[in-house]
Amino acid sequence: MPKQKTKRAATKRLKMSATGKIMRTRSGKRHLNACKTRQRKRNLRGTIVAHASDQPVLKRMLSTY
């Protein structure tokens, strides 16, 4: 049986935290930023933990069993 491959798109968009949770970047900061407030753009920085219901699927995408 061949090895399972990691989803390459997932490795570019997601990362694993030290505790094993999947971290993702916030959406909405690519374009049309002139009309967004400074505070709103500042709050879009950084990464957040992905939703708990998505964690198993995302872990499967990142891992190579």
N, C-alpha and C. Protein backbone atom coordinates (compact mmCIF):
# COMPACT_ATOMS: atom_id res chain seq x y z
N MET A 1 0.84 -1.18 0.00
CA MET A 1 0.00 0.00 0.00
C MET A 1 0.89 1.25 0.00
N PRO A 2 0.64 2.20 -0.88
CA PRO A 2 1.51 3.38 -0.94
C PRO A 2 1.31 4.31 0.24
N LYS A 3 2.31 5.14 0.47
CA LYS A 3 2.22 6.12 1.54
C LYS A 3 1.18 7.18 1.19
N GLN A 4 0.56 7.74 2.23
CA GLN A 4 -0.36 8.85 2.00
C GLN A 4 0.43 10.14 1.99
N LYS A 5 0.08 11.02 1.12
CA LYS A 5 0.80 12.28 0.99
C LYS A 5 0.09 13.39 1.75
N THR A 6 0.87 14.35 2.22
CA THR A 6 0.32 15.53 2.85
C THR A 6 -0.30 16.42 1.79
N LYS A 7 -1.43 17.03 2.12
CA LYS A 7 -2.04 18.00 1.21
C LYS A 7 -1.16 19.25 1.19
N ARG A 8 -0.55 19.55 0.06
CA ARG A 8 0.40 20.65 -0.04
C ARG A 8 -0.26 22.00 0.23
N ALA A 9 -1.51 22.16 -0.18
CA ALA A 9 -2.22 23.41 0.08
C ALA A 9 -2.38 23.64 1.58
N ALA A 10 -2.58 22.56 2.33
CA ALA A 10 -2.77 22.69 3.78
C ALA A 10 -1.47 23.11 4.46
N THR A 11 -0.33 22.62 3.99
CA THR A 11 0.93 22.98 4.63
C THR A 11 1.27 24.44 4.40
N LYS A 12 0.78 25.01 3.30
CA LYS A 12 1.05 26.42 3.02
C LYS A 12 0.14 27.34 3.82
N ARG A 13 -1.02 26.86 4.22
CA ARG A 13 -2.01 27.72 4.87
C ARG A 13 -2.14 27.50 6.37
N LEU A 14 -1.74 26.35 6.87
CA LEU A 14 -1.96 25.99 8.26
C LEU A 14 -0.65 25.63 8.94
N LYS A 15 -0.65 25.76 10.28
CA LYS A 15 0.49 25.27 11.04
C LYS A 15 0.01 24.69 12.36
N MET A 16 0.81 23.82 12.93
CA MET A 16 0.46 23.15 14.16
C MET A 16 1.04 23.93 15.34
N SER A 17 0.25 24.12 16.39
CA SER A 17 0.75 24.79 17.59
C SER A 17 1.52 23.77 18.44
N ALA A 18 2.15 24.26 19.49
CA ALA A 18 2.94 23.38 20.36
C ALA A 18 2.05 22.38 21.09
N THR A 19 0.78 22.74 21.32
CA THR A 19 -0.13 21.83 22.01
C THR A 19 -0.87 20.90 21.07
N GLY A 20 -0.62 21.03 19.75
CA GLY A 20 -1.22 20.12 18.78
C GLY A 20 -2.46 20.65 18.10
N LYS A 21 -2.80 21.92 18.33
CA LYS A 21 -3.96 22.50 17.66
C LYS A 21 -3.53 23.11 16.33
N ILE A 22 -4.47 23.18 15.42
CA ILE A 22 -4.20 23.75 14.10
C ILE A 22 -4.45 25.25 14.14
N MET A 23 -3.46 26.03 13.68
CA MET A 23 -3.57 27.48 13.63
C MET A 23 -3.79 27.90 12.18
N ARG A 24 -4.60 28.94 12.00
CA ARG A 24 -4.87 29.46 10.66
C ARG A 24 -4.79 30.98 10.69
N THR A 25 -4.59 31.58 9.52
CA THR A 25 -4.57 33.03 9.42
C THR A 25 -5.99 33.53 9.19
N ARG A 26 -6.23 34.76 9.57
CA ARG A 26 -7.55 35.36 9.37
C ARG A 26 -7.71 35.78 7.91
N SER A 27 -8.92 35.72 7.43
CA SER A 27 -9.18 36.11 6.05
C SER A 27 -9.63 37.57 6.00
N GLY A 28 -9.55 38.16 4.82
CA GLY A 28 -10.09 39.49 4.62
C GLY A 28 -9.08 40.61 4.61
N LYS A 29 -7.80 40.29 4.38
CA LYS A 29 -6.80 41.35 4.40
C LYS A 29 -6.00 41.40 3.10
N ARG A 30 -6.48 40.79 2.06
CA ARG A 30 -5.75 40.73 0.79
C ARG A 30 -5.94 41.97 -0.06
N HIS A 31 -7.17 42.44 -0.17
CA HIS A 31 -7.44 43.58 -1.05
C HIS A 31 -8.62 44.35 -0.49
N LEU A 32 -8.93 45.48 -1.12
CA LEU A 32 -9.98 46.40 -0.66
C LEU A 32 -9.72 46.88 0.76
N ASN A 33 -8.47 47.19 1.05
CA ASN A 33 -8.10 47.58 2.41
C ASN A 33 -8.27 49.07 2.67
N ALA A 34 -8.41 49.86 1.62
CA ALA A 34 -8.52 51.30 1.82
C ALA A 34 -9.79 51.68 2.57
N CYS A 35 -10.85 50.93 2.36
CA CYS A 35 -12.12 51.25 3.02
C CYS A 35 -12.24 50.64 4.41
N LYS A 36 -11.29 49.79 4.81
CA LYS A 36 -11.34 49.16 6.13
C LYS A 36 -10.61 50.05 7.13
N THR A 37 -11.10 50.07 8.35
CA THR A 37 -10.50 50.92 9.37
C THR A 37 -9.16 50.33 9.82
N ARG A 38 -8.36 51.17 10.43
CA ARG A 38 -7.05 50.75 10.93
C ARG A 38 -7.20 49.65 11.98
N GLN A 39 -8.18 49.82 12.83
CA GLN A 39 -8.41 48.83 13.89
C GLN A 39 -8.83 47.48 13.31
N ARG A 40 -9.68 47.53 12.29
CA ARG A 40 -10.14 46.29 11.67
C ARG A 40 -8.99 45.54 11.02
N LYS A 41 -8.10 46.27 10.34
CA LYS A 41 -6.94 45.63 9.69
C LYS A 41 -5.96 45.10 10.74
N ARG A 42 -5.84 45.83 11.83
CA ARG A 42 -4.94 45.39 12.90
C ARG A 42 -5.44 44.10 13.54
N ASN A 43 -6.76 43.97 13.68
CA ASN A 43 -7.34 42.76 14.26
C ASN A 43 -7.25 41.56 13.33
N LEU A 44 -6.98 41.78 12.05
CA LEU A 44 -6.83 40.67 11.11
C LEU A 44 -5.42 40.10 11.09
N ARG A 45 -4.51 40.71 11.84
CA ARG A 45 -3.13 40.21 11.87
C ARG A 45 -3.04 38.91 12.65
N GLY A 46 -1.96 38.19 12.44
CA GLY A 46 -1.65 37.03 13.26
C GLY A 46 -2.46 35.80 12.91
N THR A 47 -2.35 34.80 13.77
CA THR A 47 -3.04 33.53 13.56
C THR A 47 -3.98 33.26 14.71
N ILE A 48 -4.98 32.43 14.45
CA ILE A 48 -5.92 32.01 15.47
C ILE A 48 -6.10 30.50 15.36
N VAL A 49 -6.66 29.91 16.39
CA VAL A 49 -6.91 28.47 16.40
C VAL A 49 -8.11 28.19 15.51
N ALA A 50 -8.00 27.20 14.65
CA ALA A 50 -9.11 26.81 13.79
C ALA A 50 -10.22 26.22 14.65
N HIS A 51 -11.43 26.24 14.14
CA HIS A 51 -12.59 25.78 14.89
C HIS A 51 -12.43 24.32 15.29
N ALA A 52 -12.99 23.97 16.44
CA ALA A 52 -12.84 22.62 16.99
C ALA A 52 -13.43 21.55 16.07
N SER A 53 -14.51 21.87 15.37
CA SER A 53 -15.13 20.87 14.49
C SER A 53 -14.28 20.61 13.25
N ASP A 54 -13.40 21.55 12.89
CA ASP A 54 -12.53 21.38 11.73
C ASP A 54 -11.21 20.71 12.08
N GLN A 55 -10.86 20.63 13.34
CA GLN A 55 -9.55 20.13 13.75
C GLN A 55 -9.24 18.73 13.24
N PRO A 56 -10.13 17.73 13.38
CA PRO A 56 -9.78 16.38 12.90
C PRO A 56 -9.49 16.32 11.41
N VAL A 57 -10.29 17.04 10.62
CA VAL A 57 -10.10 17.02 9.17
C VAL A 57 -8.77 17.68 8.80
N LEU A 58 -8.49 18.82 9.44
CA LEU A 58 -7.25 19.54 9.14
C LEU A 58 -6.02 18.75 9.57
N LYS A 59 -6.12 18.06 10.70
CA LYS A 59 -4.99 17.22 11.16
C LYS A 59 -4.72 16.11 10.18
N ARG A 60 -5.80 15.54 9.61
CA ARG A 60 -5.63 14.47 8.63
C ARG A 60 -4.98 15.00 7.35
N MET A 61 -5.31 16.26 7.00
CA MET A 61 -4.71 16.85 5.80
C MET A 61 -3.22 17.11 5.99
N LEU A 62 -2.81 17.44 7.22
CA LEU A 62 -1.42 17.79 7.48
C LEU A 62 -0.54 16.56 7.75
N SER A 63 -1.13 15.51 8.29
CA SER A 63 -0.32 14.37 8.70
C SER A 63 -0.10 13.40 7.55
N THR A 64 0.97 12.68 7.65
CA THR A 64 1.26 11.62 6.70
C THR A 64 1.25 10.31 7.47
N TYR A 65 0.12 9.65 7.47
CA TYR A 65 -0.03 8.40 8.23
C TYR A 65 0.89 7.33 7.71
